[in-house]
Structure formats: C-alpha cells, structure tokens
C-alpha cells in the first residue's frame, strides 16, 4: 500500500496526495505542510527495533523511508 499525505492545515479540497505530489509540490495548496495520513506500523513480532539496532545508517534510513513512500 502506498503512503498518502494530507495538509497540516486541512484546507484543501483534495485531502489525499501521493508521495510524488507532496514531494514536488513543496507546500500544500493551502500553505500547509504535507504529513502522512497514517503512520506505518512497526512489526513487533519480528522485533523490528533489534533489527534496526544492527543496521548501518544507510540501511536504517532506507528501511524507515521506504515505509513513507
């Protein structure tokens, strides 16, 4: 599932933007910032925190950012 974004001001007619729309627009049409509609869940069954603690910074950055794209 692809992450969707909305404006912090909530004053846009469209309240559902793709990552690409948010990235290339900069600000929302109402002047607000784009934020995720929902936050991705962290899998506790796989002990995600332990997996992250053993990753290099580039690996960690990728694993976190890919959840928001």
N, C-alpha and C. Protein backbone atom coordinates (compact mmCIF):
# COMPACT_ATOMS: atom_id res chain seq x y z
N UNK A 1 0.85 -1.19 0.00
CA UNK A 1 0.00 0.00 0.00
C UNK A 1 0.88 1.24 0.00
N UNK A 2 0.53 2.18 -0.82
CA UNK A 2 1.30 3.40 -0.93
C UNK A 2 0.84 4.41 0.11
N UNK A 3 1.79 5.06 0.76
CA UNK A 3 1.50 6.07 1.78
C UNK A 3 0.84 7.27 1.11
N UNK A 4 -0.13 7.84 1.78
CA UNK A 4 -0.82 9.04 1.29
C UNK A 4 -0.55 10.18 2.26
N UNK A 5 -0.67 11.41 1.76
CA UNK A 5 -0.34 12.60 2.54
C UNK A 5 -1.48 13.60 2.52
N UNK A 6 -1.55 14.43 3.58
CA UNK A 6 -2.57 15.48 3.67
C UNK A 6 -1.89 16.75 4.20
N UNK A 7 -2.60 17.86 4.14
CA UNK A 7 -2.07 19.14 4.60
C UNK A 7 -2.28 19.29 6.11
N UNK A 8 -1.32 19.94 6.76
CA UNK A 8 -1.46 20.20 8.19
C UNK A 8 -2.58 21.20 8.46
N UNK A 9 -2.91 22.01 7.48
CA UNK A 9 -3.98 23.00 7.66
C UNK A 9 -5.35 22.44 7.33
N UNK A 10 -5.39 21.38 6.57
CA UNK A 10 -6.66 20.74 6.26
C UNK A 10 -7.61 21.57 5.42
N UNK A 11 -7.10 22.58 4.72
CA UNK A 11 -7.97 23.46 3.96
C UNK A 11 -7.99 23.19 2.47
N UNK A 12 -7.58 22.01 2.05
CA UNK A 12 -7.58 21.72 0.61
C UNK A 12 -8.79 20.87 0.26
N UNK A 13 -9.28 21.07 -0.94
CA UNK A 13 -10.42 20.27 -1.41
C UNK A 13 -9.99 18.80 -1.53
N UNK A 14 -8.77 18.60 -2.01
CA UNK A 14 -8.22 17.25 -2.11
C UNK A 14 -7.40 17.01 -0.85
N UNK A 15 -7.74 16.03 -0.08
CA UNK A 15 -7.02 15.77 1.17
C UNK A 15 -6.31 14.42 1.10
N UNK A 16 -5.80 14.09 -0.08
CA UNK A 16 -5.18 12.80 -0.27
C UNK A 16 -4.17 12.92 -1.41
N UNK A 17 -2.89 13.06 -1.06
CA UNK A 17 -1.84 13.27 -2.05
C UNK A 17 -0.86 12.10 -2.04
N UNK A 18 -0.31 11.80 -3.20
CA UNK A 18 0.72 10.77 -3.28
C UNK A 18 2.05 11.35 -2.79
N UNK A 19 3.01 10.47 -2.57
CA UNK A 19 4.35 10.92 -2.18
C UNK A 19 4.91 11.87 -3.24
N UNK A 20 4.76 11.51 -4.50
CA UNK A 20 5.28 12.34 -5.58
C UNK A 20 4.63 13.71 -5.60
N UNK A 21 3.30 13.76 -5.42
CA UNK A 21 2.60 15.05 -5.38
C UNK A 21 3.13 15.91 -4.23
N UNK A 22 3.27 15.32 -3.07
CA UNK A 22 3.75 16.06 -1.89
C UNK A 22 5.19 16.52 -2.08
N UNK A 23 6.03 15.65 -2.60
CA UNK A 23 7.44 15.97 -2.77
C UNK A 23 7.64 17.11 -3.76
N UNK A 24 6.99 17.02 -4.92
CA UNK A 24 7.22 18.01 -5.96
C UNK A 24 6.41 19.29 -5.78
N UNK A 25 5.40 19.28 -4.90
CA UNK A 25 4.62 20.49 -4.63
C UNK A 25 5.31 21.37 -3.60
N UNK A 26 6.04 20.77 -2.69
CA UNK A 26 6.66 21.55 -1.61
C UNK A 26 5.64 21.77 -0.50
N UNK A 27 4.82 22.79 -0.66
CA UNK A 27 3.76 23.08 0.29
C UNK A 27 2.42 22.63 -0.29
N UNK A 28 1.47 22.36 0.58
CA UNK A 28 0.11 22.06 0.14
C UNK A 28 -0.51 23.33 -0.45
N UNK A 29 -1.53 23.20 -1.29
CA UNK A 29 -2.15 24.38 -1.89
C UNK A 29 -2.65 25.41 -0.87
N UNK A 30 -3.00 24.97 0.34
CA UNK A 30 -3.48 25.90 1.36
C UNK A 30 -2.33 26.49 2.19
N UNK A 31 -1.08 26.19 1.81
CA UNK A 31 0.08 26.73 2.52
C UNK A 31 0.57 25.85 3.66
N UNK A 32 -0.11 24.76 3.93
CA UNK A 32 0.30 23.86 5.00
C UNK A 32 1.41 22.92 4.56
N UNK A 33 1.90 22.15 5.49
CA UNK A 33 2.91 21.14 5.21
C UNK A 33 2.23 19.81 4.96
N UNK A 34 2.88 18.96 4.21
CA UNK A 34 2.34 17.62 3.98
C UNK A 34 2.78 16.69 5.09
N UNK A 35 1.85 15.91 5.62
CA UNK A 35 2.13 14.90 6.64
C UNK A 35 1.44 13.60 6.23
N UNK A 36 1.97 12.45 6.67
CA UNK A 36 1.31 11.19 6.32
C UNK A 36 -0.10 11.12 6.89
N UNK A 37 -1.02 10.52 6.13
CA UNK A 37 -2.39 10.32 6.60
C UNK A 37 -2.38 9.36 7.79
N UNK A 38 -1.53 8.35 7.73
CA UNK A 38 -1.37 7.42 8.85
C UNK A 38 0.09 7.02 8.96
N UNK A 39 0.50 6.65 10.15
CA UNK A 39 1.89 6.23 10.35
C UNK A 39 2.00 4.73 10.12
N UNK A 40 3.07 4.30 9.47
CA UNK A 40 3.24 2.87 9.24
C UNK A 40 3.47 2.14 10.56
N UNK A 41 2.98 0.92 10.64
CA UNK A 41 3.16 0.15 11.87
C UNK A 41 4.54 -0.49 11.88
N UNK A 42 5.02 -0.75 13.08
CA UNK A 42 6.30 -1.42 13.26
C UNK A 42 6.01 -2.83 13.72
N UNK A 43 6.60 -3.79 13.05
CA UNK A 43 6.33 -5.19 13.33
C UNK A 43 7.07 -5.64 14.60
N UNK A 44 6.35 -5.77 15.69
CA UNK A 44 6.96 -6.18 16.96
C UNK A 44 7.25 -7.67 16.99
N UNK A 45 6.50 -8.44 16.18
CA UNK A 45 6.74 -9.89 16.16
C UNK A 45 8.13 -10.21 15.63
N UNK A 46 8.60 -9.44 14.68
CA UNK A 46 9.94 -9.65 14.13
C UNK A 46 10.99 -8.89 14.93
N UNK A 47 10.58 -8.24 16.01
CA UNK A 47 11.46 -7.44 16.85
C UNK A 47 12.21 -6.41 16.00
N UNK A 48 11.44 -5.59 15.31
CA UNK A 48 11.98 -4.60 14.40
C UNK A 48 13.02 -3.70 15.04
N UNK A 49 12.85 -3.36 16.31
CA UNK A 49 13.80 -2.49 16.98
C UNK A 49 15.19 -3.13 17.06
N UNK A 50 15.24 -4.43 17.32
CA UNK A 50 16.53 -5.13 17.36
C UNK A 50 17.15 -5.19 15.97
N UNK A 51 16.33 -5.42 14.96
CA UNK A 51 16.85 -5.43 13.59
C UNK A 51 17.44 -4.06 13.24
N UNK A 52 16.74 -2.99 13.60
CA UNK A 52 17.23 -1.65 13.31
C UNK A 52 18.53 -1.36 14.04
N UNK A 53 18.68 -1.84 15.25
CA UNK A 53 19.89 -1.53 16.02
C UNK A 53 21.14 -2.14 15.41
N UNK A 54 20.98 -3.14 14.55
CA UNK A 54 22.13 -3.79 13.92
C UNK A 54 22.39 -3.30 12.50
N UNK A 55 21.62 -2.33 12.03
CA UNK A 55 21.78 -1.83 10.67
C UNK A 55 22.75 -0.66 10.63
N UNK A 56 23.37 -0.48 9.46
CA UNK A 56 24.16 0.73 9.24
C UNK A 56 23.19 1.89 9.05
N UNK A 57 23.69 3.11 9.12
CA UNK A 57 22.80 4.25 8.95
C UNK A 57 22.10 4.25 7.59
N UNK A 58 22.82 4.01 6.47
CA UNK A 58 22.11 3.97 5.19
C UNK A 58 21.03 2.89 5.13
N UNK A 59 21.29 1.72 5.71
CA UNK A 59 20.28 0.65 5.73
C UNK A 59 19.07 1.06 6.55
N UNK A 60 19.32 1.67 7.71
CA UNK A 60 18.24 2.13 8.59
C UNK A 60 17.42 3.22 7.91
N UNK A 61 18.10 4.18 7.31
CA UNK A 61 17.40 5.28 6.62
C UNK A 61 16.50 4.72 5.52
N UNK A 62 17.01 3.78 4.75
CA UNK A 62 16.21 3.17 3.70
C UNK A 62 14.99 2.46 4.27
N UNK A 63 15.20 1.67 5.31
CA UNK A 63 14.11 0.88 5.89
C UNK A 63 13.01 1.77 6.48
N UNK A 64 13.39 2.90 7.05
CA UNK A 64 12.39 3.83 7.60
C UNK A 64 11.71 4.61 6.48
N UNK A 65 12.49 5.13 5.55
CA UNK A 65 11.91 5.96 4.49
C UNK A 65 11.03 5.19 3.53
N UNK A 66 11.37 3.94 3.24
CA UNK A 66 10.57 3.17 2.30
C UNK A 66 9.14 2.97 2.82
N UNK A 67 8.95 3.06 4.09
CA UNK A 67 7.61 2.92 4.69
C UNK A 67 6.74 4.16 4.43
N UNK A 68 7.39 5.28 4.07
CA UNK A 68 6.67 6.54 3.87
C UNK A 68 6.51 6.90 2.40
N UNK A 69 6.99 6.06 1.52
CA UNK A 69 6.94 6.38 0.09
C UNK A 69 5.87 5.54 -0.58
